[in-house]
Amino acid sequence: MQKLKVDDEVIVVAGRDKGKKGKVKSLNFKTKTAIVEGVNMVKKTVKPTQEAPDGGITDKEAVISISNIAVVSPKTSGATRVRIEEKDGKKVRVAVKCGSVLN
């Protein structure tokens, strides 16, 4: 079971975007990176195409290391670690800080 999943609310704990919150859009456990909404924005040049005839420069989310993000605790709304426990014969993710079950 993974401690971090897509659509988790996370907070950046290190780097230039420290303190920003967002939802996880995608995860890559092989390279240990994630894409988080509104975090680590970079400028990307786009060639003119038939779909986007103007082209130009757009803002895009770049990958961020998994070690630089932490799950947001539902009760305290701060960074927390995740523990995996067994409840009713099923493995569930539990926030270490507040003890609440993460969906």
C-alpha atoms as a PDB file:
ATOM      1  CA  MET A   1       0.000   0.000   0.000  1.00  0.00           C
ATOM      2  CA  GLN A   2       1.250   3.462  -0.906  1.00  0.00           C
ATOM      3  CA  LYS A   3       1.541   6.213   1.660  1.00  0.00           C
ATOM      4  CA  LEU A   4       1.009   8.882  -1.014  1.00  0.00           C
ATOM      5  CA  LYS A   5      -1.787   8.692  -3.579  1.00  0.00           C
ATOM      6  CA  VAL A   6      -3.184  10.777  -6.441  1.00  0.00           C
ATOM      7  CA  ASP A   7      -5.705  13.450  -5.270  1.00  0.00           C
ATOM      8  CA  ASP A   8      -4.090  13.666  -1.805  1.00  0.00           C
ATOM      9  CA  GLU A   9      -3.866  17.166  -0.333  1.00  0.00           C
ATOM     10  CA  VAL A  10      -0.154  17.848   0.239  1.00  0.00           C
ATOM     11  CA  ILE A  11       2.051  20.679   1.496  1.00  0.00           C
ATOM     12  CA  VAL A  12       5.556  21.513   0.284  1.00  0.00           C
ATOM     13  CA  VAL A  13       8.045  21.218   3.169  1.00  0.00           C
ATOM     14  CA  ALA A  14      11.259  22.201   1.344  1.00  0.00           C
ATOM     15  CA  GLY A  15      12.319  24.217  -1.682  1.00  0.00           C
ATOM     16  CA  ARG A  16      11.321  27.481  -3.300  1.00  0.00           C
ATOM     17  CA  ASP A  17       7.557  26.760  -2.951  1.00  0.00           C
ATOM     18  CA  LYS A  18       7.781  25.880   0.766  1.00  0.00           C
ATOM     19  CA  GLY A  19       4.401  26.223   2.502  1.00  0.00           C
ATOM     20  CA  LYS A  20       2.238  25.940  -0.637  1.00  0.00           C
ATOM     21  CA  LYS A  21      -0.608  23.425  -0.643  1.00  0.00           C
ATOM     22  CA  GLY A  22      -2.084  21.535  -3.573  1.00  0.00           C
ATOM     23  CA  LYS A  23      -3.484  18.239  -4.821  1.00  0.00           C
ATOM     24  CA  VAL A  24      -1.298  15.513  -6.277  1.00  0.00           C
ATOM     25  CA  LYS A  25      -1.974  15.182 -10.019  1.00  0.00           C
ATOM     26  CA  SER A  26       0.422  12.349 -10.792  1.00  0.00           C
ATOM     27  CA  LEU A  27       3.043  10.185  -9.093  1.00  0.00           C
ATOM     28  CA  ASN A  28       6.100   8.364 -10.407  1.00  0.00           C
ATOM     29  CA  PHE A  29       7.556   6.036  -7.785  1.00  0.00           C
ATOM     30  CA  LYS A  30      10.351   4.897 -10.101  1.00  0.00           C
ATOM     31  CA  THR A  31      11.891   8.406 -10.206  1.00  0.00           C
ATOM     32  CA  LYS A  32      10.365   9.396  -6.795  1.00  0.00           C
ATOM     33  CA  THR A  33       8.656  12.488  -8.218  1.00  0.00           C
ATOM     34  CA  ALA A  34       5.159  13.966  -8.190  1.00  0.00           C
ATOM     35  CA  ILE A  35       3.250  16.730  -9.969  1.00  0.00           C
ATOM     36  CA  VAL A  36       1.258  18.950  -7.585  1.00  0.00           C
ATOM     37  CA  GLU A  37      -1.367  21.523  -8.688  1.00  0.00           C
ATOM     38  CA  GLY A  38      -0.054  25.088  -8.521  1.00  0.00           C
ATOM     39  CA  VAL A  39       3.390  24.088  -7.193  1.00  0.00           C
ATOM     40  CA  ASN A  40       6.783  24.357  -8.953  1.00  0.00           C
ATOM     41  CA  MET A  41       5.405  26.390 -11.858  1.00  0.00           C
ATOM     42  CA  VAL A  42       7.732  26.846 -14.862  1.00  0.00           C
ATOM     43  CA  LYS A  43       7.447  28.781 -18.123  1.00  0.00           C
ATOM     44  CA  LYS A  44       7.091  26.559 -21.193  1.00  0.00           C
ATOM     45  CA  THR A  45       7.335  27.753 -24.785  1.00  0.00           C
ATOM     46  CA  VAL A  46       4.604  26.348 -27.020  1.00  0.00           C
ATOM     47  CA  LYS A  47       4.872  26.126 -30.794  1.00  0.00           C
ATOM     48  CA  PRO A  48       1.892  27.377 -32.791  1.00  0.00           C
ATOM     49  CA  THR A  49      -0.357  24.487 -33.834  1.00  0.00           C
ATOM     50  CA  GLN A  50      -3.840  24.184 -35.299  1.00  0.00           C
ATOM     51  CA  GLU A  51      -5.296  23.728 -31.806  1.00  0.00           C
ATOM     52  CA  ALA A  52      -3.332  26.682 -30.363  1.00  0.00           C
ATOM     53  CA  PRO A  53      -2.575  29.009 -33.291  1.00  0.00           C
ATOM     54  CA  ASP A  54      -0.983  31.671 -31.075  1.00  0.00           C
ATOM     55  CA  GLY A  55       1.652  29.503 -29.398  1.00  0.00           C
ATOM     56  CA  GLY A  56       3.763  31.559 -26.987  1.00  0.00           C
ATOM     57  CA  ILE A  57       4.779  31.059 -23.369  1.00  0.00           C
ATOM     58  CA  THR A  58       2.563  29.165 -20.907  1.00  0.00           C
ATOM     59  CA  ASP A  59       2.816  28.257 -17.213  1.00  0.00           C
ATOM     60  CA  LYS A  60       3.085  24.558 -16.399  1.00  0.00           C
ATOM     61  CA  GLU A  61       3.628  22.461 -13.258  1.00  0.00           C
ATOM     62  CA  ALA A  62       6.998  20.710 -13.138  1.00  0.00           C
ATOM     63  CA  VAL A  63       7.820  17.600 -11.124  1.00  0.00           C
ATOM     64  CA  ILE A  64       8.819  17.873  -7.474  1.00  0.00           C
ATOM     65  CA  SER A  65      10.623  15.286  -5.369  1.00  0.00           C
ATOM     66  CA  ILE A  66       8.404  13.174  -3.122  1.00  0.00           C
ATOM     67  CA  SER A  67      10.786  13.882  -0.223  1.00  0.00           C
ATOM     68  CA  ASN A  68       9.858  17.590  -0.419  1.00  0.00           C
ATOM     69  CA  ILE A  69       6.099  17.103   0.105  1.00  0.00           C
ATOM     70  CA  ALA A  70       4.015  15.830   3.023  1.00  0.00           C
ATOM     71  CA  VAL A  71       0.360  14.839   3.374  1.00  0.00           C
ATOM     72  CA  VAL A  72      -1.876  17.465   5.026  1.00  0.00           C
ATOM     73  CA  SER A  73      -3.547  16.320   8.244  1.00  0.00           C
ATOM     74  CA  PRO A  74      -7.367  16.641   8.009  1.00  0.00           C
ATOM     75  CA  LYS A  75      -7.767  17.893  11.600  1.00  0.00           C
ATOM     76  CA  THR A  76      -4.702  20.096  12.128  1.00  0.00           C
ATOM     77  CA  SER A  77      -4.296  21.129   8.450  1.00  0.00           C
ATOM     78  CA  GLY A  78      -0.526  20.802   8.847  1.00  0.00           C
ATOM     79  CA  ALA A  79       2.075  18.424   7.491  1.00  0.00           C
ATOM     80  CA  THR A  80       1.940  14.877   8.816  1.00  0.00           C
ATOM     81  CA  ARG A  81       3.499  11.504   8.176  1.00  0.00           C
ATOM     82  CA  VAL A  82       1.378   8.518   7.173  1.00  0.00           C
ATOM     83  CA  ARG A  83       1.178   5.198   8.998  1.00  0.00           C
ATOM     84  CA  ILE A  84      -0.435   2.057   7.593  1.00  0.00           C
ATOM     85  CA  GLU A  85      -2.648   0.174  10.068  1.00  0.00           C
ATOM     86  CA  GLU A  86      -4.970  -2.775   9.806  1.00  0.00           C
ATOM     87  CA  LYS A  87      -8.587  -2.070  10.769  1.00  0.00           C
ATOM     88  CA  ASP A  88     -11.349  -4.648  10.325  1.00  0.00           C
ATOM     89  CA  GLY A  89      -8.998  -6.822   8.264  1.00  0.00           C
ATOM     90  CA  LYS A  90      -8.257  -3.995   5.796  1.00  0.00           C
ATOM     91  CA  LYS A  91      -5.121  -1.892   5.519  1.00  0.00           C
ATOM     92  CA  VAL A  92      -5.853   1.830   5.921  1.00  0.00           C
ATOM     93  CA  ARG A  93      -3.696   4.967   5.886  1.00  0.00           C
ATOM     94  CA  VAL A  94      -3.655   6.894   9.157  1.00  0.00           C
ATOM     95  CA  ALA A  95      -2.292  10.407   9.789  1.00  0.00           C
ATOM     96  CA  VAL A  96       0.385  10.158  12.502  1.00  0.00           C
ATOM     97  CA  LYS A  97      -0.263  13.665  13.911  1.00  0.00           C
ATOM     98  CA  CYS A  98      -4.001  13.434  14.545  1.00  0.00           C
ATOM     99  CA  GLY A  99      -4.786   9.717  14.145  1.00  0.00           C
ATOM    100  CA  SER A 100      -7.519  10.251  11.565  1.00  0.00           C
ATOM    101  CA  VAL A 101      -7.996   7.790   8.709  1.00  0.00           C
ATOM    102  CA  LEU A 102      -7.101   9.069   5.254  1.00  0.00           C
ATOM    103  CA  ASN A 103      -9.351   7.946   2.378  1.00  0.00           C
END
